[in-house]
Amino acid sequence: MAVIRAVSALNGCEPCSMRPLTDVVDPDALDALFAERNDEKPRLGGRISFVYEHCRITVDNGEYLTVRSLRIQPWPAGDGAPDGADAQ
């Protein structure tokens, strides 16, 4: 649910308007990647990234979630954009 909440907040939309996360990744498998080992010791390290709803999702060590938009943002006019890159 953390992925869905973060993506909906970044995209400014309701979670129910997004495609199901299961279309992109198996949430149970994602949880299992960072679950305790069979000897009940925590897993150390690990990272997985995937794309969902125009966002790159990265989970580090099963604890840290990074969500970055993949949408191209136009440069605001006169905001130091490279020549020819000003917003239209």
C-alpha atoms as a PDB file:
ATOM      1  CA  MET A   1       0.000   0.000   0.000  1.00  0.00           C
ATOM      2  CA  ALA A   2       2.919   2.396   0.576  1.00  0.00           C
ATOM      3  CA  VAL A   3       3.758   2.364  -3.145  1.00  0.00           C
ATOM      4  CA  ILE A   4       0.162   3.107  -4.142  1.00  0.00           C
ATOM      5  CA  ARG A   5      -0.181   5.947  -1.618  1.00  0.00           C
ATOM      6  CA  ALA A   6       3.128   7.523  -2.632  1.00  0.00           C
ATOM      7  CA  VAL A   7       2.425   7.343  -6.375  1.00  0.00           C
ATOM      8  CA  SER A   8      -1.116   8.708  -6.023  1.00  0.00           C
ATOM      9  CA  ALA A   9       0.193  11.621  -3.926  1.00  0.00           C
ATOM     10  CA  LEU A  10       2.959  12.421  -6.424  1.00  0.00           C
ATOM     11  CA  ASN A  11       0.613  12.183  -9.419  1.00  0.00           C
ATOM     12  CA  GLY A  12      -2.231  14.013  -7.659  1.00  0.00           C
ATOM     13  CA  CYS A  13      -4.813  11.325  -8.284  1.00  0.00           C
ATOM     14  CA  GLU A  14      -6.964   8.910  -6.319  1.00  0.00           C
ATOM     15  CA  PRO A  15      -5.508   5.424  -5.820  1.00  0.00           C
ATOM     16  CA  CYS A  16      -8.652   3.844  -7.285  1.00  0.00           C
ATOM     17  CA  SER A  17      -8.007   5.662 -10.599  1.00  0.00           C
ATOM     18  CA  MET A  18      -4.637   3.940 -11.087  1.00  0.00           C
ATOM     19  CA  ARG A  19      -4.082   0.552 -12.667  1.00  0.00           C
ATOM     20  CA  PRO A  20      -3.596  -2.271 -10.183  1.00  0.00           C
ATOM     21  CA  LEU A  21      -0.060  -2.607  -8.829  1.00  0.00           C
ATOM     22  CA  THR A  22      -0.350  -6.322  -9.538  1.00  0.00           C
ATOM     23  CA  ASP A  23      -0.191  -5.481 -13.275  1.00  0.00           C
ATOM     24  CA  VAL A  24       3.450  -4.496 -12.699  1.00  0.00           C
ATOM     25  CA  VAL A  25       4.771  -6.480  -9.740  1.00  0.00           C
ATOM     26  CA  ASP A  26       3.558  -9.216  -7.428  1.00  0.00           C
ATOM     27  CA  PRO A  27       3.196  -7.445  -4.032  1.00  0.00           C
ATOM     28  CA  ASP A  28       3.601 -10.727  -2.136  1.00  0.00           C
ATOM     29  CA  ALA A  29       6.851 -11.433  -3.989  1.00  0.00           C
ATOM     30  CA  LEU A  30       8.006  -7.892  -3.271  1.00  0.00           C
ATOM     31  CA  ASP A  31       7.344  -8.389   0.449  1.00  0.00           C
ATOM     32  CA  ALA A  32       9.061 -11.794   0.346  1.00  0.00           C
ATOM     33  CA  LEU A  33      12.246 -10.276  -1.094  1.00  0.00           C
ATOM     34  CA  PHE A  34      12.785  -8.354   2.114  1.00  0.00           C
ATOM     35  CA  ALA A  35      11.199 -10.761   4.612  1.00  0.00           C
ATOM     36  CA  GLU A  36      13.173 -12.400   7.388  1.00  0.00           C
ATOM     37  CA  ARG A  37      15.329 -15.324   6.360  1.00  0.00           C
ATOM     38  CA  ASN A  38      14.371 -18.879   7.371  1.00  0.00           C
ATOM     39  CA  ASP A  39      16.611 -18.544  10.442  1.00  0.00           C
ATOM     40  CA  GLU A  40      14.526 -15.465  11.429  1.00  0.00           C
ATOM     41  CA  LYS A  41      17.455 -13.087  10.933  1.00  0.00           C
ATOM     42  CA  PRO A  42      16.715  -9.934   8.933  1.00  0.00           C
ATOM     43  CA  ARG A  43      17.884  -9.727   5.355  1.00  0.00           C
ATOM     44  CA  LEU A  44      20.550  -7.110   4.883  1.00  0.00           C
ATOM     45  CA  GLY A  45      20.774  -4.931   1.822  1.00  0.00           C
ATOM     46  CA  GLY A  46      18.925  -5.396  -1.416  1.00  0.00           C
ATOM     47  CA  ARG A  47      17.278  -3.083  -3.897  1.00  0.00           C
ATOM     48  CA  ILE A  48      14.527  -3.432  -6.450  1.00  0.00           C
ATOM     49  CA  SER A  49      13.264  -0.858  -8.945  1.00  0.00           C
ATOM     50  CA  PHE A  50      10.294  -0.903 -11.280  1.00  0.00           C
ATOM     51  CA  VAL A  51       8.103   1.515 -13.208  1.00  0.00           C
ATOM     52  CA  TYR A  52       4.487   2.102 -12.183  1.00  0.00           C
ATOM     53  CA  GLU A  53       2.122   4.863 -13.317  1.00  0.00           C
ATOM     54  CA  HIS A  54       4.859   7.027 -14.897  1.00  0.00           C
ATOM     55  CA  CYS A  55       7.034   6.751 -11.775  1.00  0.00           C
ATOM     56  CA  ARG A  56      10.265   4.920 -11.011  1.00  0.00           C
ATOM     57  CA  ILE A  57       9.788   3.075  -7.721  1.00  0.00           C
ATOM     58  CA  THR A  58      12.855   1.950  -5.778  1.00  0.00           C
ATOM     59  CA  VAL A  59      12.768  -0.043  -2.561  1.00  0.00           C
ATOM     60  CA  ASP A  60      16.069  -0.183  -0.667  1.00  0.00           C
ATOM     61  CA  ASN A  61      16.696  -2.691   2.086  1.00  0.00           C
ATOM     62  CA  GLY A  62      12.954  -3.228   2.460  1.00  0.00           C
ATOM     63  CA  GLU A  63      12.727   0.028   4.411  1.00  0.00           C
ATOM     64  CA  TYR A  64      13.267   2.988   2.095  1.00  0.00           C
ATOM     65  CA  LEU A  65      10.862   3.857  -0.682  1.00  0.00           C
ATOM     66  CA  THR A  66      11.839   6.342  -3.381  1.00  0.00           C
ATOM     67  CA  VAL A  67       9.307   7.508  -5.961  1.00  0.00           C
ATOM     68  CA  ARG A  68      10.444   9.695  -8.871  1.00  0.00           C
ATOM     69  CA  SER A  69       8.236  11.006 -11.627  1.00  0.00           C
ATOM     70  CA  LEU A  70       9.219  10.006 -15.155  1.00  0.00           C
ATOM     71  CA  ARG A  71       7.063  12.700 -16.710  1.00  0.00           C
ATOM     72  CA  ILE A  72       8.987  15.354 -18.601  1.00  0.00           C
ATOM     73  CA  GLN A  73       8.473  18.742 -17.000  1.00  0.00           C
ATOM     74  CA  PRO A  74       8.722  21.794 -19.281  1.00  0.00           C
ATOM     75  CA  TRP A  75      11.188  24.484 -18.287  1.00  0.00           C
ATOM     76  CA  PRO A  76       9.416  27.613 -17.035  1.00  0.00           C
ATOM     77  CA  ALA A  77      10.084  30.510 -19.424  1.00  0.00           C
ATOM     78  CA  GLY A  78      13.059  32.618 -18.344  1.00  0.00           C
ATOM     79  CA  ASP A  79      14.042  30.174 -15.586  1.00  0.00           C
ATOM     80  CA  GLY A  80      17.561  29.461 -16.777  1.00  0.00           C
ATOM     81  CA  ALA A  81      16.532  26.774 -19.250  1.00  0.00           C
ATOM     82  CA  PRO A  82      19.065  25.909 -21.934  1.00  0.00           C
ATOM     83  CA  ASP A  83      18.654  27.841 -25.203  1.00  0.00           C
ATOM     84  CA  GLY A  84      15.628  26.591 -27.093  1.00  0.00           C
ATOM     85  CA  ALA A  85      14.247  24.714 -24.080  1.00  0.00           C
ATOM     86  CA  ASP A  86      11.929  27.436 -22.751  1.00  0.00           C
ATOM     87  CA  ALA A  87       8.309  26.474 -22.180  1.00  0.00           C
ATOM     88  CA  GLN A  88       6.016  27.142 -25.114  1.00  0.00           C
END
